[in-house]
Amino acid sequence: NTFDKVIFFYDKKMQSTYFMSRIEPRITLV
């Protein structure tokens, strides 16, 4: 249940950062 969380993920290999937020049960902001 991640509706109240901002998901953070950093990929060292790709040197990229991802932020995600679940808007609807099937739709996520990336």
PDB file of all heavy atoms in Angstrom:
ATOM      1  N   ASN A   1       0.863  -1.178   0.000  1.00  0.00           N
ATOM      2  CA  ASN A   1       0.000   0.000   0.000  1.00  0.00           C
ATOM      3  C   ASN A   1       0.898   1.227   0.000  1.00  0.00           C
ATOM      4  O   ASN A   1       1.331   1.707   1.043  1.00  0.00           O
ATOM      5  CB  ASN A   1      -0.905   0.001   1.224  1.00  0.00           C
ATOM      6  CG  ASN A   1      -1.877   1.174   1.219  1.00  0.00           C
ATOM      7  OD1 ASN A   1      -1.923   1.951   0.277  1.00  0.00           O
ATOM      8  ND2 ASN A   1      -2.637   1.306   2.283  1.00  0.00           N
ATOM      9  N   THR A   2       1.226   1.703  -1.192  1.00  0.00           N
ATOM     10  CA  THR A   2       2.215   2.787  -1.323  1.00  0.00           C
ATOM     11  C   THR A   2       1.593   4.125  -1.706  1.00  0.00           C
ATOM     12  O   THR A   2       2.281   5.013  -2.200  1.00  0.00           O
ATOM     13  CB  THR A   2       3.264   2.392  -2.384  1.00  0.00           C
ATOM     14  OG1 THR A   2       2.581   2.086  -3.626  1.00  0.00           O
ATOM     15  CG2 THR A   2       4.062   1.181  -1.955  1.00  0.00           C
ATOM     16  N   PHE A   3       0.280   4.295  -1.471  1.00  0.00           N
ATOM     17  CA  PHE A   3      -0.373   5.532  -1.881  1.00  0.00           C
ATOM     18  C   PHE A   3       0.133   6.748  -1.099  1.00  0.00           C
ATOM     19  O   PHE A   3       0.032   7.873  -1.577  1.00  0.00           O
ATOM     20  CB  PHE A   3      -1.892   5.398  -1.707  1.00  0.00           C
ATOM     21  CG  PHE A   3      -2.542   4.529  -2.752  1.00  0.00           C
ATOM     22  CD1 PHE A   3      -2.783   3.191  -2.516  1.00  0.00           C
ATOM     23  CD2 PHE A   3      -2.899   5.059  -3.984  1.00  0.00           C
ATOM     24  CE1 PHE A   3      -3.380   2.387  -3.480  1.00  0.00           C
ATOM     25  CE2 PHE A   3      -3.493   4.263  -4.958  1.00  0.00           C
ATOM     26  CZ  PHE A   3      -3.731   2.929  -4.699  1.00  0.00           C
ATOM     27  N   ASP A   4       0.638   6.525   0.092  1.00  0.00           N
ATOM     28  CA  ASP A   4       1.097   7.648   0.907  1.00  0.00           C
ATOM     29  C   ASP A   4       2.613   7.811   0.873  1.00  0.00           C
ATOM     30  O   ASP A   4       3.182   8.579   1.649  1.00  0.00           O
ATOM     31  CB  ASP A   4       0.646   7.446   2.357  1.00  0.00           C
ATOM     32  CG  ASP A   4       1.234   6.181   2.979  1.00  0.00           C
ATOM     33  OD1 ASP A   4       1.494   5.242   2.210  1.00  0.00           O
ATOM     34  OD2 ASP A   4       1.404   6.148   4.200  1.00  0.00           O
ATOM     35  N   LYS A   5       3.278   7.101  -0.038  1.00  0.00           N
ATOM     36  CA  LYS A   5       4.736   7.130  -0.083  1.00  0.00           C
ATOM     37  C   LYS A   5       5.242   7.617  -1.440  1.00  0.00           C
ATOM     38  O   LYS A   5       4.623   7.370  -2.473  1.00  0.00           O
ATOM     39  CB  LYS A   5       5.313   5.732   0.182  1.00  0.00           C
ATOM     40  CG  LYS A   5       4.927   5.145   1.536  1.00  0.00           C
ATOM     41  CD  LYS A   5       5.484   3.731   1.657  1.00  0.00           C
ATOM     42  CE  LYS A   5       5.075   3.095   2.980  1.00  0.00           C
ATOM     43  NZ  LYS A   5       5.554   1.697   3.083  1.00  0.00           N
ATOM     44  N   VAL A   6       6.384   8.290  -1.397  1.00  0.00           N
ATOM     45  CA  VAL A   6       7.111   8.605  -2.619  1.00  0.00           C
ATOM     46  C   VAL A   6       8.233   7.575  -2.703  1.00  0.00           C
ATOM     47  O   VAL A   6       9.152   7.568  -1.881  1.00  0.00           O
ATOM     48  CB  VAL A   6       7.690  10.032  -2.594  1.00  0.00           C
ATOM     49  CG1 VAL A   6       8.523  10.269  -3.857  1.00  0.00           C
ATOM     50  CG2 VAL A   6       6.583  11.062  -2.478  1.00  0.00           C
ATOM     51  N   ILE A   7       8.137   6.682  -3.674  1.00  0.00           N
ATOM     52  CA  ILE A   7       9.118   5.597  -3.815  1.00  0.00           C
ATOM     53  C   ILE A   7      10.386   6.147  -4.474  1.00  0.00           C
ATOM     54  O   ILE A   7      10.324   6.838  -5.494  1.00  0.00           O
ATOM     55  CB  ILE A   7       8.530   4.454  -4.657  1.00  0.00           C
ATOM     56  CG1 ILE A   7       7.275   3.892  -3.975  1.00  0.00           C
ATOM     57  CG2 ILE A   7       9.549   3.354  -4.867  1.00  0.00           C
ATOM     58  CD1 ILE A   7       6.490   2.927  -4.834  1.00  0.00           C
ATOM     59  N   PHE A   8      11.514   5.819  -3.880  1.00  0.00           N
ATOM     60  CA  PHE A   8      12.811   6.293  -4.379  1.00  0.00           C
ATOM     61  C   PHE A   8      13.675   5.090  -4.749  1.00  0.00           C
ATOM     62  O   PHE A   8      13.714   4.086  -4.021  1.00  0.00           O
ATOM     63  CB  PHE A   8      13.500   7.123  -3.298  1.00  0.00           C
ATOM     64  CG  PHE A   8      14.928   7.480  -3.621  1.00  0.00           C
ATOM     65  CD1 PHE A   8      15.231   8.597  -4.377  1.00  0.00           C
ATOM     66  CD2 PHE A   8      15.983   6.692  -3.140  1.00  0.00           C
ATOM     67  CE1 PHE A   8      16.557   8.927  -4.668  1.00  0.00           C
ATOM     68  CE2 PHE A   8      17.311   7.011  -3.427  1.00  0.00           C
ATOM     69  CZ  PHE A   8      17.587   8.138  -4.184  1.00  0.00           C
ATOM     70  N   PHE A   9      14.341   5.189  -5.901  1.00  0.00           N
ATOM     71  CA  PHE A   9      15.241   4.101  -6.316  1.00  0.00           C
ATOM     72  C   PHE A   9      16.390   4.696  -7.142  1.00  0.00           C
ATOM     73  O   PHE A   9      16.159   5.457  -8.087  1.00  0.00           O
ATOM     74  CB  PHE A   9      14.490   3.063  -7.151  1.00  0.00           C
ATOM     75  CG  PHE A   9      15.330   1.887  -7.558  1.00  0.00           C
ATOM     76  CD1 PHE A   9      15.510   0.809  -6.698  1.00  0.00           C
ATOM     77  CD2 PHE A   9      15.966   1.848  -8.798  1.00  0.00           C
ATOM     78  CE1 PHE A   9      16.292  -0.287  -7.058  1.00  0.00           C
ATOM     79  CE2 PHE A   9      16.746   0.768  -9.169  1.00  0.00           C
ATOM     80  CZ  PHE A   9      16.913  -0.303  -8.296  1.00  0.00           C
ATOM     81  N   TYR A  10      17.613   4.344  -6.753  1.00  0.00           N
ATOM     82  CA  TYR A  10      18.782   4.806  -7.516  1.00  0.00           C
ATOM     83  C   TYR A  10      19.504   3.606  -8.094  1.00  0.00           C
ATOM     84  O   TYR A  10      19.853   2.658  -7.378  1.00  0.00           O
ATOM     85  CB  TYR A  10      19.730   5.602  -6.628  1.00  0.00           C
ATOM     86  CG  TYR A  10      21.007   5.996  -7.324  1.00  0.00           C
ATOM     87  CD1 TYR A  10      20.979   6.904  -8.391  1.00  0.00           C
ATOM     88  CD2 TYR A  10      22.236   5.444  -6.952  1.00  0.00           C
ATOM     89  CE1 TYR A  10      22.151   7.257  -9.056  1.00  0.00           C
ATOM     90  CE2 TYR A  10      23.410   5.789  -7.613  1.00  0.00           C
ATOM     91  CZ  TYR A  10      23.353   6.694  -8.668  1.00  0.00           C
ATOM     92  OH  TYR A  10      24.516   7.042  -9.335  1.00  0.00           O
ATOM     93  N   ASP A  11      19.737   3.622  -9.407  1.00  0.00           N
ATOM     94  CA  ASP A  11      20.438   2.542 -10.110  1.00  0.00           C
ATOM     95  C   ASP A  11      21.868   3.003 -10.394  1.00  0.00           C
ATOM     96  O   ASP A  11      22.104   3.879 -11.239  1.00  0.00           O
ATOM     97  CB  ASP A  11      19.709   2.231 -11.426  1.00  0.00           C
ATOM     98  CG  ASP A  11      20.275   0.993 -12.119  1.00  0.00           C
ATOM     99  OD1 ASP A  11      21.502   0.798 -12.088  1.00  0.00           O
ATOM    100  OD2 ASP A  11      19.484   0.218 -12.675  1.00  0.00           O
ATOM    101  N   LYS A  12      22.826   2.414  -9.666  1.00  0.00           N
ATOM    102  CA  LYS A  12      24.226   2.814  -9.839  1.00  0.00           C
ATOM    103  C   LYS A  12      24.745   2.513 -11.237  1.00  0.00           C
ATOM    104  O   LYS A  12      25.501   3.284 -11.825  1.00  0.00           O
ATOM    105  CB  LYS A  12      25.098   2.079  -8.810  1.00  0.00           C
ATOM    106  CG  LYS A  12      24.860   2.517  -7.378  1.00  0.00           C
ATOM    107  CD  LYS A  12      25.809   1.777  -6.435  1.00  0.00           C
ATOM    108  CE  LYS A  12      25.592   2.222  -4.998  1.00  0.00           C
ATOM    109  NZ  LYS A  12      26.508   1.505  -4.051  1.00  0.00           N
ATOM    110  N   LYS A  13      24.302   1.367 -11.778  1.00  0.00           N
ATOM    111  CA  LYS A  13      24.791   0.961 -13.090  1.00  0.00           C
ATOM    112  C   LYS A  13      24.389   1.960 -14.166  1.00  0.00           C
ATOM    113  O   LYS A  13      25.195   2.329 -15.031  1.00  0.00           O
ATOM    114  CB  LYS A  13      24.255  -0.426 -13.425  1.00  0.00           C
ATOM    115  CG  LYS A  13      24.764  -0.990 -14.741  1.00  0.00           C
ATOM    116  CD  LYS A  13      24.226  -2.391 -14.979  1.00  0.00           C
ATOM    117  CE  LYS A  13      24.754  -2.948 -16.291  1.00  0.00           C
ATOM    118  NZ  LYS A  13      24.250  -4.325 -16.558  1.00  0.00           N
ATOM    119  N   MET A  14      23.145   2.422 -14.117  1.00  0.00           N
ATOM    120  CA  MET A  14      22.647   3.365 -15.122  1.00  0.00           C
ATOM    121  C   MET A  14      22.818   4.816 -14.682  1.00  0.00           C
ATOM    122  O   MET A  14      22.518   5.738 -15.462  1.00  0.00           O
ATOM    123  CB  MET A  14      21.172   3.090 -15.423  1.00  0.00           C
ATOM    124  CG  MET A  14      20.919   1.747 -16.092  1.00  0.00           C
ATOM    125  SD  MET A  14      19.221   1.588 -16.697  1.00  0.00           S
ATOM    126  CE  MET A  14      19.219   2.787 -18.036  1.00  0.00           C
ATOM    127  N   GLN A  15      23.307   4.985 -13.433  1.00  0.00           N
ATOM    128  CA  GLN A  15      23.481   6.343 -12.911  1.00  0.00           C
ATOM    129  C   GLN A  15      22.170   7.141 -13.063  1.00  0.00           C
ATOM    130  O   GLN A  15      22.172   8.303 -13.491  1.00  0.00           O
ATOM    131  CB  GLN A  15      24.622   7.056 -13.660  1.00  0.00           C
ATOM    132  CG  GLN A  15      25.997   6.472 -13.389  1.00  0.00           C
ATOM    133  CD  GLN A  15      26.476   6.746 -11.971  1.00  0.00           C
ATOM    134  OE1 GLN A  15      26.615   7.893 -11.550  1.00  0.00           O
ATOM    135  NE2 GLN A  15      26.718   5.673 -11.219  1.00  0.00           N
ATOM    136  N   SER A  16      21.084   6.485 -12.693  1.00  0.00           N
ATOM    137  CA  SER A  16      19.754   7.106 -12.852  1.00  0.00           C
ATOM    138  C   SER A  16      18.946   6.991 -11.556  1.00  0.00           C
ATOM    139  O   SER A  16      19.086   6.013 -10.807  1.00  0.00           O
ATOM    140  CB  SER A  16      18.983   6.449 -13.993  1.00  0.00           C
ATOM    141  OG  SER A  16      19.645   6.650 -15.225  1.00  0.00           O
ATOM    142  N   THR A  17      18.114   7.999 -11.333  1.00  0.00           N
ATOM    143  CA  THR A  17      17.269   8.040 -10.141  1.00  0.00           C
ATOM    144  C   THR A  17      15.799   7.996 -10.559  1.00  0.00           C
ATOM    145  O   THR A  17      15.397   8.671 -11.526  1.00  0.00           O
ATOM    146  CB  THR A  17      17.524   9.321  -9.323  1.00  0.00           C
ATOM    147  OG1 THR A  17      18.923   9.437  -9.050  1.00  0.00           O
ATOM    148  CG2 THR A  17      16.749   9.284  -8.019  1.00  0.00           C
ATOM    149  N   TYR A  18      15.011   7.230  -9.811  1.00  0.00           N
ATOM    150  CA  TYR A  18      13.583   7.091 -10.112  1.00  0.00           C
ATOM    151  C   TYR A  18      12.758   7.500  -8.880  1.00  0.00           C
ATOM    152  O   TYR A  18      13.031   7.056  -7.758  1.00  0.00           O
ATOM    153  CB  TYR A  18      13.253   5.643 -10.477  1.00  0.00           C
ATOM    154  CG  TYR A  18      14.063   5.093 -11.630  1.00  0.00           C
ATOM    155  CD1 TYR A  18      15.328   4.534 -11.415  1.00  0.00           C
ATOM    156  CD2 TYR A  18      13.576   5.134 -12.940  1.00  0.00           C
ATOM    157  CE1 TYR A  18      16.078   4.028 -12.466  1.00  0.00           C
ATOM    158  CE2 TYR A  18      14.325   4.630 -13.996  1.00  0.00           C
ATOM    159  CZ  TYR A  18      15.575   4.084 -13.746  1.00  0.00           C
ATOM    160  OH  TYR A  18      16.320   3.585 -14.797  1.00  0.00           O
ATOM    161  N   PHE A  19      11.762   8.333  -9.122  1.00  0.00           N
ATOM    162  CA  PHE A  19      10.776   8.678  -8.097  1.00  0.00           C
ATOM    163  C   PHE A  19       9.415   8.201  -8.591  1.00  0.00           C
ATOM    164  O   PHE A  19       9.063   8.429  -9.764  1.00  0.00           O
ATOM    165  CB  PHE A  19      10.731  10.181  -7.850  1.00  0.00           C
ATOM    166  CG  PHE A  19      11.936  10.735  -7.152  1.00  0.00           C
ATOM    167  CD1 PHE A  19      13.060  11.122  -7.872  1.00  0.00           C
ATOM    168  CD2 PHE A  19      11.945  10.867  -5.767  1.00  0.00           C
ATOM    169  CE1 PHE A  19      14.172  11.639  -7.241  1.00  0.00           C
ATOM    170  CE2 PHE A  19      13.065  11.385  -5.119  1.00  0.00           C
ATOM    171  CZ  PHE A  19      14.181  11.771  -5.850  1.00  0.00           C
ATOM    172  N   MET A  20       8.656   7.552  -7.718  1.00  0.00           N
ATOM    173  CA  MET A  20       7.344   7.050  -8.121  1.00  0.00           C
ATOM    174  C   MET A  20       6.293   7.347  -7.064  1.00  0.00           C
ATOM    175  O   MET A  20       6.589   7.417  -5.872  1.00  0.00           O
ATOM    176  CB  MET A  20       7.384   5.538  -8.366  1.00  0.00           C
ATOM    177  CG  MET A  20       8.266   5.100  -9.501  1.00  0.00           C
ATOM    178  SD  MET A  20       8.112   3.325  -9.821  1.00  0.00           S
ATOM    179  CE  MET A  20       9.306   3.137 -11.146  1.00  0.00           C
ATOM    180  N   SER A  21       5.066   7.500  -7.540  1.00  0.00           N
ATOM    181  CA  SER A  21       3.926   7.705  -6.635  1.00  0.00           C
ATOM    182  C   SER A  21       2.703   7.032  -7.255  1.00  0.00           C
ATOM    183  O   SER A  21       2.385   7.257  -8.430  1.00  0.00           O
ATOM    184  CB  SER A  21       3.653   9.199  -6.445  1.00  0.00           C
ATOM    185  OG  SER A  21       2.505   9.398  -5.642  1.00  0.00           O
ATOM    186  N   ARG A  22       2.041   6.229  -6.472  1.00  0.00           N
ATOM    187  CA  ARG A  22       0.867   5.500  -6.966  1.00  0.00           C
ATOM    188  C   ARG A  22      -0.357   6.404  -6.919  1.00  0.00           C
ATOM    189  O   ARG A  22      -0.791   6.838  -5.856  1.00  0.00           O
ATOM    190  CB  ARG A  22       0.646   4.268  -6.088  1.00  0.00           C
ATOM    191  CG  ARG A  22      -0.109   3.144  -6.776  1.00  0.00           C
ATOM    192  CD  ARG A  22      -0.016   1.908  -5.930  1.00  0.00           C
ATOM    193  NE  ARG A  22      -0.760   0.787  -6.480  1.00  0.00           N
ATOM    194  CZ  ARG A  22      -0.855  -0.385  -5.883  1.00  0.00           C
ATOM    195  NH1 ARG A  22      -0.249  -0.573  -4.715  1.00  0.00           N
ATOM    196  NH2 ARG A  22      -1.542  -1.363  -6.419  1.00  0.00           N
ATOM    197  N   ILE A  23      -0.913   6.691  -8.085  1.00  0.00           N
ATOM    198  CA  ILE A  23      -2.065   7.581  -8.179  1.00  0.00           C
ATOM    199  C   ILE A  23      -3.365   6.807  -7.987  1.00  0.00           C
ATOM    200  O   ILE A  23      -4.203   7.148  -7.153  1.00  0.00           O
ATOM    201  CB  ILE A  23      -2.100   8.298  -9.550  1.00  0.00           C
ATOM    202  CG1 ILE A  23      -0.768   8.999  -9.824  1.00  0.00           C
ATOM    203  CG2 ILE A  23      -3.266   9.272  -9.600  1.00  0.00           C
ATOM    204  CD1 ILE A  23      -0.413  10.076  -8.848  1.00  0.00           C
ATOM    205  N   GLU A  24      -3.530   5.786  -8.811  1.00  0.00           N
ATOM    206  CA  GLU A  24      -4.685   4.890  -8.747  1.00  0.00           C
ATOM    207  C   GLU A  24      -4.132   3.481  -8.524  1.00  0.00           C
ATOM    208  O   GLU A  24      -2.928   3.265  -8.656  1.00  0.00           O
ATOM    209  CB  GLU A  24      -5.470   4.916 -10.081  1.00  0.00           C
ATOM    210  CG  GLU A  24      -5.529   6.254 -10.791  1.00  0.00           C
ATOM    211  CD  GLU A  24      -6.726   7.086 -10.396  1.00  0.00           C
ATOM    212  OE1 GLU A  24      -7.374   6.752  -9.377  1.00  0.00           O
ATOM    213  OE2 GLU A  24      -7.009   8.069 -11.089  1.00  0.00           O
ATOM    214  N   PRO A  25      -4.990   2.522  -8.217  1.00  0.00           N
ATOM    215  CA  PRO A  25      -4.492   1.146  -8.074  1.00  0.00           C
ATOM    216  C   PRO A  25      -3.704   0.673  -9.286  1.00  0.00           C
ATOM    217  O   PRO A  25      -2.780  -0.136  -9.137  1.00  0.00           O
ATOM    218  CB  PRO A  25      -5.781   0.337  -7.891  1.00  0.00           C
ATOM    219  CG  PRO A  25      -6.719   1.288  -7.215  1.00  0.00           C
ATOM    220  CD  PRO A  25      -6.415   2.620  -7.836  1.00  0.00           C
ATOM    221  N   ARG A  26      -4.032   1.187 -10.490  1.00  0.00           N
ATOM    222  CA  ARG A  26      -3.341   0.726 -11.709  1.00  0.00           C
ATOM    223  C   ARG A  26      -2.514   1.809 -12.402  1.00  0.00           C
ATOM    224  O   ARG A  26      -1.958   1.569 -13.467  1.00  0.00           O
ATOM    225  CB  ARG A  26      -4.372   0.168 -12.706  1.00  0.00           C
ATOM    226  CG  ARG A  26      -5.065  -1.090 -12.223  1.00  0.00           C
ATOM    227  CD  ARG A  26      -5.941  -1.704 -13.300  1.00  0.00           C
ATOM    228  NE  ARG A  26      -6.499  -2.969 -12.832  1.00  0.00           N
ATOM    229  CZ  ARG A  26      -5.863  -4.135 -12.844  1.00  0.00           C
ATOM    230  NH1 ARG A  26      -4.633  -4.197 -13.337  1.00  0.00           N
ATOM    231  NH2 ARG A  26      -6.433  -5.220 -12.387  1.00  0.00           N
ATOM    232  N   ILE A  27      -2.465   2.999 -11.863  1.00  0.00           N
ATOM    233  CA  ILE A  27      -1.728   4.090 -12.514  1.00  0.00           C
ATOM    234  C   ILE A  27      -0.700   4.681 -11.556  1.00  0.00           C
ATOM    235  O   ILE A  27      -1.026   5.035 -10.420  1.00  0.00           O
ATOM    236  CB  ILE A  27      -2.684   5.180 -13.021  1.00  0.00           C
ATOM    237  CG1 ILE A  27      -3.605   4.609 -14.107  1.00  0.00           C
ATOM    238  CG2 ILE A  27      -1.909   6.376 -13.565  1.00  0.00           C
ATOM    239  CD1 ILE A  27      -4.591   5.598 -14.682  1.00  0.00           C
ATOM    240  N   THR A  28       0.540   4.785 -12.033  1.00  0.00           N
ATOM    241  CA  THR A  28       1.654   5.268 -11.214  1.00  0.00           C
ATOM    242  C   THR A  28       2.376   6.422 -11.907  1.00  0.00           C
ATOM    243  O   THR A  28       2.636   6.374 -13.109  1.00  0.00           O
ATOM    244  CB  THR A  28       2.667   4.131 -10.953  1.00  0.00           C
ATOM    245  OG1 THR A  28       2.013   3.061 -10.279  1.00  0.00           O
ATOM    246  CG2 THR A  28       3.837   4.612 -10.102  1.00  0.00           C
ATOM    247  N   LEU A  29       2.671   7.452 -11.149  1.00  0.00           N
ATOM    248  CA  LEU A  29       3.464   8.584 -11.643  1.00  0.00           C
ATOM    249  C   LEU A  29       4.942   8.226 -11.508  1.00  0.00           C
ATOM    250  O   LEU A  29       5.389   7.792 -10.449  1.00  0.00           O
ATOM    251  CB  LEU A  29       3.147   9.842 -10.829  1.00  0.00           C
ATOM    252  CG  LEU A  29       4.019  11.075 -11.101  1.00  0.00           C
ATOM    253  CD1 LEU A  29       3.781  11.605 -12.519  1.00  0.00           C
ATOM    254  CD2 LEU A  29       3.734  12.159 -10.065  1.00  0.00           C
ATOM    255  N   VAL A  30       5.697   8.386 -12.601  1.00  0.00           N
ATOM    256  CA  VAL A  30       7.119   8.023 -12.618  1.00  0.00           C
ATOM    257  C   VAL A  30       7.954   9.202 -13.097  1.00  0.00           C
ATOM    258  O   VAL A  30       7.684   9.783 -14.153  1.00  0.00           O
ATOM    259  CB  VAL A  30       7.369   6.811 -13.543  1.00  0.00           C
ATOM    260  CG1 VAL A  30       8.858   6.475 -13.565  1.00  0.00           C
ATOM    261  CG2 VAL A  30       6.551   5.603 -13.095  1.00  0.00           C
TER     262      VAL A  30
END
